[in-house]
Amino acid sequence: MATHHLPHHESHGNHPMSVIGFLLILGGFASAALWLVSMASGNVAVAILCGLLMVAAFAGAATILTTLTHRHHHSPVLPDNTEAERGRYMREYR
C-alpha cells in the first residue's frame, strides 16, 4: 500500500492570527460608526456599548499584531524579504 504524503505548504510569512487582527480592525471601524450614530441619535447606553466595543477591538488588534511582529521579527501580514522567500516565489509563480 502506497503512503501518500501531503505536499509541504509554506506559510508565506503570514500567521493565522493576523487574520483575526485584521477582522478586529474592521469590527473596530464598524463599532466606531455605530458609536457615532448612537451618540447623534441620543441613545446613550448603545453609544457607551459601541464605544467600549470599539476600544476593545482596536486594543485587541494592536496587541495581536504587535505580539506577532515581535515574536516573528517581521510583519504578520507581509512575507519575509529573504533569498529563501524569493526563491520559493520564483519556483511557484514564475
PDB file of N, CA and C in Angstrom:
ATOM      1  N   MET A   1       0.837  -1.163   0.000  1.00  0.00           N
ATOM      2  CA  MET A   1       0.000   0.000   0.000  1.00  0.00           C
ATOM      3  C   MET A   1       0.890   1.238   0.000  1.00  0.00           C
ATOM      4  N   ALA A   2       0.637   2.112  -0.902  1.00  0.00           N
ATOM      5  CA  ALA A   2       1.465   3.309  -1.039  1.00  0.00           C
ATOM      6  C   ALA A   2       1.074   4.342   0.010  1.00  0.00           C
ATOM      7  N   THR A   3       2.083   4.971   0.543  1.00  0.00           N
ATOM      8  CA  THR A   3       1.846   6.044   1.507  1.00  0.00           C
ATOM      9  C   THR A   3       1.836   7.357   0.761  1.00  0.00           C
ATOM     10  N   HIS A   4       0.798   8.125   0.939  1.00  0.00           N
ATOM     11  CA  HIS A   4       0.686   9.413   0.275  1.00  0.00           C
ATOM     12  C   HIS A   4       1.040  10.509   1.260  1.00  0.00           C
ATOM     13  N   HIS A   5       1.971  11.322   0.861  1.00  0.00           N
ATOM     14  CA  HIS A   5       2.371  12.442   1.695  1.00  0.00           C
ATOM     15  C   HIS A   5       1.747  13.710   1.131  1.00  0.00           C
ATOM     16  N   LEU A   6       1.208  14.502   2.036  1.00  0.00           N
ATOM     17  CA  LEU A   6       0.669  15.782   1.605  1.00  0.00           C
ATOM     18  C   LEU A   6       1.827  16.708   1.261  1.00  0.00           C
ATOM     19  N   PRO A   7       1.659  17.536   0.253  1.00  0.00           N
ATOM     20  CA  PRO A   7       2.759  18.455  -0.090  1.00  0.00           C
ATOM     21  C   PRO A   7       2.984  19.448   1.044  1.00  0.00           C
ATOM     22  N   HIS A   8       4.237  19.770   1.232  1.00  0.00           N
ATOM     23  CA  HIS A   8       4.597  20.730   2.271  1.00  0.00           C
ATOM     24  C   HIS A   8       4.135  22.115   1.827  1.00  0.00           C
ATOM     25  N   HIS A   9       3.397  22.787   2.681  1.00  0.00           N
ATOM     26  CA  HIS A   9       2.891  24.119   2.349  1.00  0.00           C
ATOM     27  C   HIS A   9       3.611  25.152   3.195  1.00  0.00           C
ATOM     28  N   GLU A  10       4.226  26.113   2.530  1.00  0.00           N
ATOM     29  CA  GLU A  10       4.886  27.186   3.260  1.00  0.00           C
ATOM     30  C   GLU A  10       3.870  28.258   3.574  1.00  0.00           C
ATOM     31  N   SER A  11       4.078  28.943   4.676  1.00  0.00           N
ATOM     32  CA  SER A  11       3.063  29.873   5.156  1.00  0.00           C
ATOM     33  C   SER A  11       3.177  31.253   4.538  1.00  0.00           C
ATOM     34  N   HIS A  12       4.159  31.493   3.702  1.00  0.00           N
ATOM     35  CA  HIS A  12       4.361  32.799   3.068  1.00  0.00           C
ATOM     36  C   HIS A  12       4.608  33.890   4.094  1.00  0.00           C
ATOM     37  N   GLY A  13       4.940  33.533   5.327  1.00  0.00           N
ATOM     38  CA  GLY A  13       5.196  34.526   6.353  1.00  0.00           C
ATOM     39  C   GLY A  13       3.936  35.018   7.036  1.00  0.00           C
ATOM     40  N   ASN A  14       2.778  34.607   6.589  1.00  0.00           N
ATOM     41  CA  ASN A  14       1.534  35.043   7.211  1.00  0.00           C
ATOM     42  C   ASN A  14       1.196  34.138   8.386  1.00  0.00           C
ATOM     43  N   HIS A  15       0.615  34.711   9.407  1.00  0.00           N
ATOM     44  CA  HIS A  15       0.218  33.948  10.576  1.00  0.00           C
ATOM     45  C   HIS A  15      -1.303  33.969  10.650  1.00  0.00           C
ATOM     46  N   PRO A  16      -1.944  32.872  11.020  1.00  0.00           N
ATOM     47  CA  PRO A  16      -3.410  32.860  11.072  1.00  0.00           C
ATOM     48  C   PRO A  16      -3.997  33.914  12.015  1.00  0.00           C
ATOM     49  N   MET A  17      -3.287  34.268  13.069  1.00  0.00           N
ATOM     50  CA  MET A  17      -3.805  35.283  13.985  1.00  0.00           C
ATOM     51  C   MET A  17      -3.830  36.667  13.347  1.00  0.00           C
ATOM     52  N   SER A  18      -3.037  36.877  12.295  1.00  0.00           N
ATOM     53  CA  SER A  18      -3.078  38.178  11.630  1.00  0.00           C
ATOM     54  C   SER A  18      -4.435  38.409  10.973  1.00  0.00           C
ATOM     55  N   VAL A  19      -5.102  37.333  10.569  1.00  0.00           N
ATOM     56  CA  VAL A  19      -6.449  37.462  10.003  1.00  0.00           C
ATOM     57  C   VAL A  19      -7.418  37.931  11.090  1.00  0.00           C
ATOM     58  N   ILE A  20      -7.271  37.368  12.283  1.00  0.00           N
ATOM     59  CA  ILE A  20      -8.135  37.786  13.399  1.00  0.00           C
ATOM     60  C   ILE A  20      -7.866  39.248  13.746  1.00  0.00           C
ATOM     61  N   GLY A  21      -6.604  39.657  13.730  1.00  0.00           N
ATOM     62  CA  GLY A  21      -6.281  41.058  13.981  1.00  0.00           C
ATOM     63  C   GLY A  21      -6.915  41.970  12.946  1.00  0.00           C
ATOM     64  N   PHE A  22      -6.866  41.562  11.690  1.00  0.00           N
ATOM     65  CA  PHE A  22      -7.472  42.349  10.626  1.00  0.00           C
ATOM     66  C   PHE A  22      -8.990  42.437  10.804  1.00  0.00           C
ATOM     67  N   LEU A  23      -9.625  41.314  11.155  1.00  0.00           N
ATOM     68  CA  LEU A  23     -11.070  41.326  11.374  1.00  0.00           C
ATOM     69  C   LEU A  23     -11.445  42.193  12.575  1.00  0.00           C
ATOM     70  N   LEU A  24     -10.591  42.215  13.603  1.00  0.00           N
ATOM     71  CA  LEU A  24     -10.841  43.089  14.744  1.00  0.00           C
ATOM     72  C   LEU A  24     -10.753  44.559  14.340  1.00  0.00           C
ATOM     73  N   ILE A  25      -9.833  44.887  13.455  1.00  0.00           N
ATOM     74  CA  ILE A  25      -9.741  46.267  12.962  1.00  0.00           C
ATOM     75  C   ILE A  25     -11.025  46.641  12.215  1.00  0.00           C
ATOM     76  N   LEU A  26     -11.504  45.747  11.358  1.00  0.00           N
ATOM     77  CA  LEU A  26     -12.756  46.015  10.649  1.00  0.00           C
ATOM     78  C   LEU A  26     -13.919  46.165  11.626  1.00  0.00           C
ATOM     79  N   GLY A  27     -13.968  45.303  12.643  1.00  0.00           N
ATOM     80  CA  GLY A  27     -15.016  45.402  13.662  1.00  0.00           C
ATOM     81  C   GLY A  27     -14.915  46.689  14.467  1.00  0.00           C
ATOM     82  N   GLY A  28     -13.687  47.146  14.699  1.00  0.00           N
ATOM     83  CA  GLY A  28     -13.500  48.409  15.405  1.00  0.00           C
ATOM     84  C   GLY A  28     -14.045  49.582  14.620  1.00  0.00           C
ATOM     85  N   PHE A  29     -13.820  49.581  13.308  1.00  0.00           N
ATOM     86  CA  PHE A  29     -14.367  50.655  12.484  1.00  0.00           C
ATOM     87  C   PHE A  29     -15.896  50.591  12.423  1.00  0.00           C
ATOM     88  N   ALA A  30     -16.446  49.389  12.364  1.00  0.00           N
ATOM     89  CA  ALA A  30     -17.910  49.259  12.369  1.00  0.00           C
ATOM     90  C   ALA A  30     -18.479  49.739  13.699  1.00  0.00           C
ATOM     91  N   SER A  31     -17.832  49.393  14.804  1.00  0.00           N
ATOM     92  CA  SER A  31     -18.282  49.859  16.115  1.00  0.00           C
ATOM     93  C   SER A  31     -18.147  51.371  16.235  1.00  0.00           C
ATOM     94  N   ALA A  32     -17.111  51.941  15.650  1.00  0.00           N
ATOM     95  CA  ALA A  32     -16.944  53.395  15.683  1.00  0.00           C
ATOM     96  C   ALA A  32     -18.085  54.084  14.940  1.00  0.00           C
ATOM     97  N   ALA A  33     -18.490  53.517  13.815  1.00  0.00           N
ATOM     98  CA  ALA A  33     -19.609  54.099  13.065  1.00  0.00           C
ATOM     99  C   ALA A  33     -20.899  54.003  13.872  1.00  0.00           C
ATOM    100  N   LEU A  34     -21.148  52.851  14.497  1.00  0.00           N
ATOM    101  CA  LEU A  34     -22.340  52.694  15.321  1.00  0.00           C
ATOM    102  C   LEU A  34     -22.304  53.611  16.536  1.00  0.00           C
ATOM    103  N   TRP A  35     -21.120  53.807  17.099  1.00  0.00           N
ATOM    104  CA  TRP A  35     -20.952  54.709  18.238  1.00  0.00           C
ATOM    105  C   TRP A  35     -21.337  56.132  17.843  1.00  0.00           C
ATOM    106  N   LEU A  36     -20.849  56.573  16.707  1.00  0.00           N
ATOM    107  CA  LEU A  36     -21.147  57.916  16.232  1.00  0.00           C
ATOM    108  C   LEU A  36     -22.645  58.106  15.972  1.00  0.00           C
ATOM    109  N   VAL A  37     -23.266  57.132  15.321  1.00  0.00           N
ATOM    110  CA  VAL A  37     -24.695  57.215  15.029  1.00  0.00           C
ATOM    111  C   VAL A  37     -25.508  57.181  16.329  1.00  0.00           C
ATOM    112  N   SER A  38     -25.099  56.347  17.271  1.00  0.00           N
ATOM    113  CA  SER A  38     -25.814  56.253  18.545  1.00  0.00           C
ATOM    114  C   SER A  38     -25.703  57.541  19.342  1.00  0.00           C
ATOM    115  N   MET A  39     -24.530  58.153  19.328  1.00  0.00           N
ATOM    116  CA  MET A  39     -24.378  59.430  20.026  1.00  0.00           C
ATOM    117  C   MET A  39     -25.243  60.502  19.375  1.00  0.00           C
ATOM    118  N   ALA A  40     -25.291  60.534  18.061  1.00  0.00           N
ATOM    119  CA  ALA A  40     -26.068  61.553  17.353  1.00  0.00           C
ATOM    120  C   ALA A  40     -27.564  61.378  17.579  1.00  0.00           C
ATOM    121  N   SER A  41     -28.007  60.140  17.746  1.00  0.00           N
ATOM    122  CA  SER A  41     -29.438  59.901  17.925  1.00  0.00           C
ATOM    123  C   SER A  41     -29.871  59.935  19.382  1.00  0.00           C
ATOM    124  N   GLY A  42     -28.930  60.078  20.315  1.00  0.00           N
ATOM    125  CA  GLY A  42     -29.265  60.213  21.722  1.00  0.00           C
ATOM    126  C   GLY A  42     -29.398  58.908  22.485  1.00  0.00           C
ATOM    127  N   ASN A  43     -28.980  57.792  21.902  1.00  0.00           N
ATOM    128  CA  ASN A  43     -29.014  56.501  22.588  1.00  0.00           C
ATOM    129  C   ASN A  43     -27.732  56.325  23.406  1.00  0.00           C
ATOM    130  N   VAL A  44     -27.774  56.787  24.654  1.00  0.00           N
ATOM    131  CA  VAL A  44     -26.558  56.829  25.473  1.00  0.00           C
ATOM    132  C   VAL A  44     -26.034  55.430  25.787  1.00  0.00           C
ATOM    133  N   ALA A  45     -26.915  54.515  26.168  1.00  0.00           N
ATOM    134  CA  ALA A  45     -26.471  53.171  26.544  1.00  0.00           C
ATOM    135  C   ALA A  45     -25.836  52.450  25.355  1.00  0.00           C
ATOM    136  N   VAL A  46     -26.461  52.559  24.194  1.00  0.00           N
ATOM    137  CA  VAL A  46     -25.920  51.914  22.986  1.00  0.00           C
ATOM    138  C   VAL A  46     -24.605  52.575  22.588  1.00  0.00           C
ATOM    139  N   ALA A  47     -24.525  53.900  22.740  1.00  0.00           N
ATOM    140  CA  ALA A  47     -23.296  54.611  22.400  1.00  0.00           C
ATOM    141  C   ALA A  47     -22.147  54.166  23.293  1.00  0.00           C
ATOM    142  N   ILE A  48     -22.418  54.002  24.580  1.00  0.00           N
ATOM    143  CA  ILE A  48     -21.371  53.546  25.506  1.00  0.00           C
ATOM    144  C   ILE A  48     -20.931  52.131  25.147  1.00  0.00           C
ATOM    145  N   LEU A  49     -21.888  51.257  24.859  1.00  0.00           N
ATOM    146  CA  LEU A  49     -21.562  49.874  24.491  1.00  0.00           C
ATOM    147  C   LEU A  49     -20.728  49.823  23.215  1.00  0.00           C
ATOM    148  N   CYS A  50     -21.134  50.570  22.193  1.00  0.00           N
ATOM    149  CA  CYS A  50     -20.384  50.575  20.925  1.00  0.00           C
ATOM    150  C   CYS A  50     -19.000  51.198  21.114  1.00  0.00           C
ATOM    151  N   GLY A  51     -18.902  52.223  21.960  1.00  0.00           N
ATOM    152  CA  GLY A  51     -17.603  52.824  22.239  1.00  0.00           C
ATOM    153  C   GLY A  51     -16.658  51.841  22.922  1.00  0.00           C
ATOM    154  N   LEU A  52     -17.185  51.084  23.874  1.00  0.00           N
ATOM    155  CA  LEU A  52     -16.364  50.079  24.560  1.00  0.00           C
ATOM    156  C   LEU A  52     -15.958  48.958  23.609  1.00  0.00           C
ATOM    157  N   LEU A  53     -16.889  48.547  22.741  1.00  0.00           N
ATOM    158  CA  LEU A  53     -16.549  47.523  21.739  1.00  0.00           C
ATOM    159  C   LEU A  53     -15.466  48.018  20.787  1.00  0.00           C
ATOM    160  N   MET A  54     -15.543  49.283  20.399  1.00  0.00           N
ATOM    161  CA  MET A  54     -14.548  49.855  19.503  1.00  0.00           C
ATOM    162  C   MET A  54     -13.166  49.845  20.154  1.00  0.00           C
ATOM    163  N   VAL A  55     -13.107  50.311  21.400  1.00  0.00           N
ATOM    164  CA  VAL A  55     -11.821  50.348  22.099  1.00  0.00           C
ATOM    165  C   VAL A  55     -11.258  48.938  22.278  1.00  0.00           C
ATOM    166  N   ALA A  56     -12.128  47.991  22.638  1.00  0.00           N
ATOM    167  CA  ALA A  56     -11.674  46.606  22.827  1.00  0.00           C
ATOM    168  C   ALA A  56     -11.186  45.998  21.510  1.00  0.00           C
ATOM    169  N   ALA A  57     -11.881  46.255  20.416  1.00  0.00           N
ATOM    170  CA  ALA A  57     -11.482  45.695  19.122  1.00  0.00           C
ATOM    171  C   ALA A  57     -10.140  46.263  18.671  1.00  0.00           C
ATOM    172  N   PHE A  58      -9.972  47.586  18.773  1.00  0.00           N
ATOM    173  CA  PHE A  58      -8.700  48.186  18.362  1.00  0.00           C
ATOM    174  C   PHE A  58      -7.556  47.760  19.282  1.00  0.00           C
ATOM    175  N   ALA A  59      -7.823  47.668  20.583  1.00  0.00           N
ATOM    176  CA  ALA A  59      -6.772  47.231  21.511  1.00  0.00           C
ATOM    177  C   ALA A  59      -6.387  45.777  21.256  1.00  0.00           C
ATOM    178  N   GLY A  60      -7.387  44.927  20.998  1.00  0.00           N
ATOM    179  CA  GLY A  60      -7.093  43.523  20.700  1.00  0.00           C
ATOM    180  C   GLY A  60      -6.299  43.370  19.409  1.00  0.00           C
ATOM    181  N   ALA A  61      -6.680  44.123  18.380  1.00  0.00           N
ATOM    182  CA  ALA A  61      -5.954  44.052  17.111  1.00  0.00           C
ATOM    183  C   ALA A  61      -4.525  44.548  17.267  1.00  0.00           C
ATOM    184  N   ALA A  62      -4.352  45.638  17.990  1.00  0.00           N
ATOM    185  CA  ALA A  62      -3.000  46.166  18.203  1.00  0.00           C
ATOM    186  C   ALA A  62      -2.146  45.180  18.991  1.00  0.00           C
ATOM    187  N   THR A  63      -2.739  44.540  19.983  1.00  0.00           N
ATOM    188  CA  THR A  63      -1.997  43.550  20.779  1.00  0.00           C
ATOM    189  C   THR A  63      -1.589  42.356  19.927  1.00  0.00           C
ATOM    190  N   ILE A  64      -2.522  41.834  19.148  1.00  0.00           N
ATOM    191  CA  ILE A  64      -2.226  40.668  18.302  1.00  0.00           C
ATOM    192  C   ILE A  64      -1.130  40.999  17.293  1.00  0.00           C
ATOM    193  N   LEU A  65      -1.281  42.093  16.558  1.00  0.00           N
ATOM    194  CA  LEU A  65      -0.321  42.410  15.501  1.00  0.00           C
ATOM    195  C   LEU A  65       1.044  42.789  16.074  1.00  0.00           C
ATOM    196  N   THR A  66       1.077  43.487  17.212  1.00  0.00           N
ATOM    197  CA  THR A  66       2.358  43.830  17.842  1.00  0.00           C
ATOM    198  C   THR A  66       3.065  42.586  18.363  1.00  0.00           C
ATOM    199  N   THR A  67       2.311  41.701  19.004  1.00  0.00           N
ATOM    200  CA  THR A  67       2.904  40.465  19.522  1.00  0.00           C
ATOM    201  C   THR A  67       3.468  39.610  18.390  1.00  0.00           C
ATOM    202  N   LEU A  68       2.715  39.477  17.298  1.00  0.00           N
ATOM    203  CA  LEU A  68       3.216  38.691  16.171  1.00  0.00           C
ATOM    204  C   LEU A  68       4.457  39.323  15.550  1.00  0.00           C
ATOM    205  N   THR A  69       4.478  40.643  15.474  1.00  0.00           N
ATOM    206  CA  THR A  69       5.642  41.326  14.911  1.00  0.00           C
ATOM    207  C   THR A  69       6.878  41.070  15.753  1.00  0.00           C
ATOM    208  N   HIS A  70       6.744  41.154  17.072  1.00  0.00           N
ATOM    209  CA  HIS A  70       7.891  40.922  17.952  1.00  0.00           C
ATOM    210  C   HIS A  70       8.298  39.450  17.973  1.00  0.00           C
ATOM    211  N   ARG A  71       7.324  38.553  17.957  1.00  0.00           N
ATOM    212  CA  ARG A  71       7.634  37.129  18.057  1.00  0.00           C
ATOM    213  C   ARG A  71       8.303  36.592  16.793  1.00  0.00           C
ATOM    214  N   HIS A  72       7.849  37.036  15.635  1.00  0.00           N
ATOM    215  CA  HIS A  72       8.367  36.502  14.372  1.00  0.00           C
ATOM    216  C   HIS A  72       9.390  37.413  13.707  1.00  0.00           C
ATOM    217  N   HIS A  73       9.641  38.564  14.282  1.00  0.00           N
ATOM    218  CA  HIS A  73      10.642  39.511  13.784  1.00  0.00           C
ATOM    219  C   HIS A  73      10.369  39.963  12.358  1.00  0.00           C
ATOM    220  N   HIS A  74       9.099  39.987  11.965  1.00  0.00           N
ATOM    221  CA  HIS A  74       8.688  40.562  10.691  1.00  0.00           C
ATOM    222  C   HIS A  74       7.193  40.830  10.763  1.00  0.00           C
ATOM    223  N   SER A  75       6.684  41.497   9.772  1.00  0.00           N
ATOM    224  CA  SER A  75       5.267  41.839   9.750  1.00  0.00           C
ATOM    225  C   SER A  75       4.414  40.572   9.698  1.00  0.00           C
ATOM    226  N   PRO A  76       3.324  40.529  10.464  1.00  0.00           N
ATOM    227  CA  PRO A  76       2.478  39.336  10.432  1.00  0.00           C
ATOM    228  C   PRO A  76       1.646  39.219   9.161  1.00  0.00           C
ATOM    229  N   VAL A  77       1.578  40.273   8.363  1.00  0.00           N
ATOM    230  CA  VAL A  77       0.765  40.212   7.155  1.00  0.00           C
ATOM    231  C   VAL A  77       1.583  40.228   5.871  1.00  0.00           C
ATOM    232  N   LEU A  78       2.865  40.529   5.947  1.00  0.00           N
ATOM    233  CA  LEU A  78       3.729  40.541   4.771  1.00  0.00           C
ATOM    234  C   LEU A  78       4.772  39.434   4.882  1.00  0.00           C
ATOM    235  N   PRO A  79       5.109  38.776   3.789  1.00  0.00           N
ATOM    236  CA  PRO A  79       6.126  37.721   3.855  1.00  0.00           C
ATOM    237  C   PRO A  79       7.524  38.306   4.067  1.00  0.00           C
ATOM    238  N   ASP A  80       8.410  37.453   4.538  1.00  0.00           N
ATOM    239  CA  ASP A  80       9.806  37.861   4.708  1.00  0.00           C
ATOM    240  C   ASP A  80      10.411  38.237   3.370  1.00  0.00           C
ATOM    241  N   ASN A  81      11.315  39.189   3.396  1.00  0.00           N
ATOM    242  CA  ASN A  81      12.025  39.588   2.190  1.00  0.00           C
ATOM    243  C   ASN A  81      13.421  38.973   2.250  1.00  0.00           C
ATOM    244  N   THR A  82      13.479  37.653   2.085  1.00  0.00           N
ATOM    245  CA  THR A  82      14.740  36.929   2.156  1.00  0.00           C
ATOM    246  C   THR A  82      14.979  36.186   0.847  1.00  0.00           C
ATOM    247  N   GLU A  83      16.188  35.678   0.685  1.00  0.00           N
ATOM    248  CA  GLU A  83      16.521  34.898  -0.507  1.00  0.00           C
ATOM    249  C   GLU A  83      15.672  33.629  -0.592  1.00  0.00           C
ATOM    250  N   ALA A  84      15.443  32.970   0.545  1.00  0.00           N
ATOM    251  CA  ALA A  84      14.626  31.752   0.548  1.00  0.00           C
ATOM    252  C   ALA A  84      13.204  32.054   0.091  1.00  0.00           C
ATOM    253  N   GLU A  85      12.627  33.157   0.571  1.00  0.00           N
ATOM    254  CA  GLU A  85      11.268  33.519   0.179  1.00  0.00           C
ATOM    255  C   GLU A  85      11.207  33.905  -1.297  1.00  0.00           C
ATOM    256  N   ARG A  86      12.220  34.629  -1.773  1.00  0.00           N
ATOM    257  CA  ARG A  86      12.251  34.982  -3.199  1.00  0.00           C
ATOM    258  C   ARG A  86      12.389  33.730  -4.065  1.00  0.00           C
ATOM    259  N   GLY A  87      13.235  32.795  -3.631  1.00  0.00           N
ATOM    260  CA  GLY A  87      13.395  31.546  -4.375  1.00  0.00           C
ATOM    261  C   GLY A  87      12.115  30.729  -4.402  1.00  0.00           C
ATOM    262  N   ARG A  88      11.419  30.653  -3.277  1.00  0.00           N
ATOM    263  CA  ARG A  88      10.144  29.946  -3.232  1.00  0.00           C
ATOM    264  C   ARG A  88       9.136  30.601  -4.163  1.00  0.00           C
ATOM    265  N   TYR A  89       9.103  31.915  -4.182  1.00  0.00           N
ATOM    266  CA  TYR A  89       8.175  32.629  -5.061  1.00  0.00           C
ATOM    267  C   TYR A  89       8.503  32.341  -6.530  1.00  0.00           C
ATOM    268  N   MET A  90       9.779  32.390  -6.858  1.00  0.00           N
ATOM    269  CA  MET A  90      10.174  32.148  -8.248  1.00  0.00           C
ATOM    270  C   MET A  90       9.853  30.706  -8.681  1.00  0.00           C
ATOM    271  N   ARG A  91      10.039  29.736  -7.784  1.00  0.00           N
ATOM    272  CA  ARG A  91       9.713  28.343  -8.109  1.00  0.00           C
ATOM    273  C   ARG A  91       8.209  28.173  -8.314  1.00  0.00           C
ATOM    274  N   GLU A  92       7.396  28.801  -7.477  1.00  0.00           N
ATOM    275  CA  GLU A  92       5.953  28.575  -7.544  1.00  0.00           C
ATOM    276  C   GLU A  92       5.247  29.396  -8.615  1.00  0.00           C
ATOM    277  N   TYR A  93       5.672  30.614  -8.823  1.00  0.00           N
ATOM    278  CA  TYR A  93       4.878  31.511  -9.635  1.00  0.00           C
ATOM    279  C   TYR A  93       5.545  31.952 -10.946  1.00  0.00           C
ATOM    280  N   ARG A  94       6.767  31.599 -11.168  1.00  0.00           N
ATOM    281  CA  ARG A  94       7.431  32.016 -12.418  1.00  0.00           C
ATOM    282  C   ARG A  94       7.692  30.851 -13.322  1.00  0.00           C
TER     283      ARG A  94
END
